[in-house]
Amino acid sequence: MPQLNPEPWLTILVFSWLMFLILVPFKVLAHTFPNEHQAQNKKESVTEPWNWPWH
């Protein structure tokens, strides 16, 4: 029965996992975002209560 022979698919499985575990993380970590986020000022904004005309 050919499906019990692990030689063809085991090699493909091992090499594909090696690609995922070795090469892909470096490519993902090397990705840079075009718009770096900027830190906002830390002081809190003052909110005013709404003036409801029907209340």
N, C-alpha and C. Protein backbone atom coordinates (compact mmCIF):
# COMPACT_ATOMS: atom_id res chain seq x y z
N MET A 1 0.86 -1.19 0.00
CA MET A 1 0.00 0.00 0.00
C MET A 1 0.90 1.24 0.00
N PRO A 2 0.75 2.08 -0.98
CA PRO A 2 1.67 3.21 -1.10
C PRO A 2 1.46 4.29 -0.04
N GLN A 3 0.28 4.42 0.54
CA GLN A 3 0.07 5.47 1.52
C GLN A 3 0.81 5.20 2.83
N LEU A 4 1.28 3.97 3.04
CA LEU A 4 2.04 3.66 4.24
C LEU A 4 3.53 3.92 4.07
N ASN A 5 3.95 4.24 2.88
CA ASN A 5 5.35 4.57 2.62
C ASN A 5 5.57 6.04 2.99
N PRO A 6 6.30 6.33 4.06
CA PRO A 6 6.43 7.72 4.51
C PRO A 6 7.47 8.53 3.74
N GLU A 7 8.19 7.92 2.85
CA GLU A 7 9.30 8.62 2.20
C GLU A 7 8.88 9.85 1.39
N PRO A 8 7.91 9.80 0.50
CA PRO A 8 7.65 11.00 -0.31
C PRO A 8 7.03 12.15 0.47
N TRP A 9 6.06 11.89 1.30
CA TRP A 9 5.36 13.00 1.94
C TRP A 9 6.05 13.47 3.22
N LEU A 10 6.81 12.61 3.88
CA LEU A 10 7.49 13.01 5.11
C LEU A 10 8.57 14.05 4.81
N THR A 11 9.29 13.86 3.72
CA THR A 11 10.33 14.82 3.33
C THR A 11 9.72 16.18 2.99
N ILE A 12 8.61 16.16 2.27
CA ILE A 12 7.93 17.41 1.92
C ILE A 12 7.42 18.10 3.18
N LEU A 13 6.87 17.34 4.11
CA LEU A 13 6.36 17.91 5.36
C LEU A 13 7.48 18.54 6.18
N VAL A 14 8.60 17.85 6.30
CA VAL A 14 9.71 18.36 7.09
C VAL A 14 10.29 19.62 6.46
N PHE A 15 10.49 19.63 5.15
CA PHE A 15 11.05 20.81 4.50
C PHE A 15 10.09 22.00 4.53
N SER A 16 8.80 21.74 4.41
CA SER A 16 7.86 22.85 4.46
C SER A 16 7.82 23.47 5.86
N TRP A 17 7.90 22.63 6.92
CA TRP A 17 7.92 23.18 8.27
C TRP A 17 9.23 23.91 8.55
N LEU A 18 10.32 23.44 7.98
CA LEU A 18 11.58 24.17 8.13
C LEU A 18 11.50 25.55 7.49
N MET A 19 10.83 25.63 6.35
CA MET A 19 10.64 26.94 5.71
C MET A 19 9.83 27.86 6.60
N PHE A 20 8.73 27.33 7.15
CA PHE A 20 7.88 28.15 8.01
C PHE A 20 8.60 28.60 9.27
N LEU A 21 9.40 27.73 9.84
CA LEU A 21 10.03 28.05 11.12
C LEU A 21 11.32 28.85 10.99
N ILE A 22 11.97 28.80 9.83
CA ILE A 22 13.26 29.48 9.68
C ILE A 22 13.16 30.74 8.83
N LEU A 23 12.56 30.64 7.65
CA LEU A 23 12.58 31.77 6.72
C LEU A 23 11.44 32.77 6.94
N VAL A 24 10.27 32.28 7.18
CA VAL A 24 9.11 33.17 7.26
C VAL A 24 9.18 34.16 8.43
N PRO A 25 9.61 33.79 9.64
CA PRO A 25 9.68 34.79 10.72
C PRO A 25 10.60 35.96 10.40
N PHE A 26 11.71 35.71 9.71
CA PHE A 26 12.60 36.82 9.36
C PHE A 26 11.94 37.76 8.37
N LYS A 27 11.17 37.23 7.44
CA LYS A 27 10.48 38.07 6.47
C LYS A 27 9.38 38.88 7.16
N VAL A 28 8.69 38.28 8.11
CA VAL A 28 7.62 38.99 8.81
C VAL A 28 8.20 40.08 9.71
N LEU A 29 9.29 39.78 10.41
CA LEU A 29 9.90 40.77 11.30
C LEU A 29 10.58 41.88 10.54
N ALA A 30 10.97 41.64 9.31
CA ALA A 30 11.61 42.68 8.50
C ALA A 30 10.61 43.64 7.88
N HIS A 31 9.33 43.34 8.00
CA HIS A 31 8.30 44.20 7.41
C HIS A 31 8.23 45.52 8.16
N THR A 32 8.20 46.61 7.42
CA THR A 32 8.07 47.92 8.04
C THR A 32 6.76 48.55 7.59
N PHE A 33 6.15 49.26 8.48
CA PHE A 33 4.90 49.92 8.18
C PHE A 33 5.19 51.28 7.58
N PRO A 34 4.47 51.71 6.56
CA PRO A 34 4.74 52.99 5.93
C PRO A 34 4.41 54.18 6.84
N ASN A 35 3.44 54.02 7.70
CA ASN A 35 3.04 55.12 8.59
C ASN A 35 3.27 54.69 10.03
N GLU A 36 4.38 55.12 10.58
CA GLU A 36 4.65 54.82 11.98
C GLU A 36 3.71 55.65 12.85
N HIS A 37 3.16 55.03 13.87
CA HIS A 37 2.22 55.77 14.70
C HIS A 37 2.99 56.72 15.61
N GLN A 38 2.38 57.85 15.87
CA GLN A 38 3.01 58.86 16.71
C GLN A 38 2.33 58.88 18.07
N ALA A 39 3.12 59.06 19.09
CA ALA A 39 2.56 59.10 20.44
C ALA A 39 1.78 60.39 20.63
N GLN A 40 0.62 60.27 21.20
CA GLN A 40 -0.19 61.44 21.48
C GLN A 40 0.24 62.05 22.81
N ASN A 41 -0.13 63.31 22.99
CA ASN A 41 0.21 63.93 24.26
C ASN A 41 -0.56 63.24 25.39
N LYS A 42 0.01 63.25 26.57
CA LYS A 42 -0.54 62.46 27.66
C LYS A 42 -1.53 63.23 28.52
N LYS A 43 -1.68 64.54 28.30
CA LYS A 43 -2.63 65.24 29.15
C LYS A 43 -4.06 64.93 28.71
N GLU A 44 -4.92 64.81 29.66
CA GLU A 44 -6.29 64.43 29.39
C GLU A 44 -7.06 65.62 28.85
N SER A 45 -7.95 65.35 27.93
CA SER A 45 -8.78 66.43 27.41
C SER A 45 -9.93 66.70 28.38
N VAL A 46 -10.29 67.97 28.49
CA VAL A 46 -11.38 68.35 29.38
C VAL A 46 -12.68 68.30 28.59
N THR A 47 -13.62 67.56 29.12
CA THR A 47 -14.91 67.44 28.44
C THR A 47 -15.95 68.28 29.17
N GLU A 48 -16.78 68.90 28.42
CA GLU A 48 -17.86 69.70 28.98
C GLU A 48 -19.16 68.91 28.89
N PRO A 49 -20.06 69.06 29.87
CA PRO A 49 -21.34 68.37 29.77
C PRO A 49 -22.19 68.99 28.65
N TRP A 50 -23.02 68.19 28.05
CA TRP A 50 -23.87 68.68 26.98
C TRP A 50 -25.02 69.49 27.54
N ASN A 51 -25.41 70.47 26.81
CA ASN A 51 -26.56 71.28 27.20
C ASN A 51 -27.76 70.79 26.40
N TRP A 52 -28.56 69.92 27.04
CA TRP A 52 -29.70 69.33 26.35
C TRP A 52 -30.85 70.35 26.37
N PRO A 53 -31.38 70.72 25.21
CA PRO A 53 -32.44 71.73 25.20
C PRO A 53 -33.76 71.23 25.77
N TRP A 54 -34.04 69.95 25.80
CA TRP A 54 -35.32 69.46 26.29
C TRP A 54 -35.27 69.03 27.75
N HIS A 55 -34.17 69.21 28.39
CA HIS A 55 -34.05 68.73 29.76
C HIS A 55 -34.18 69.86 30.76
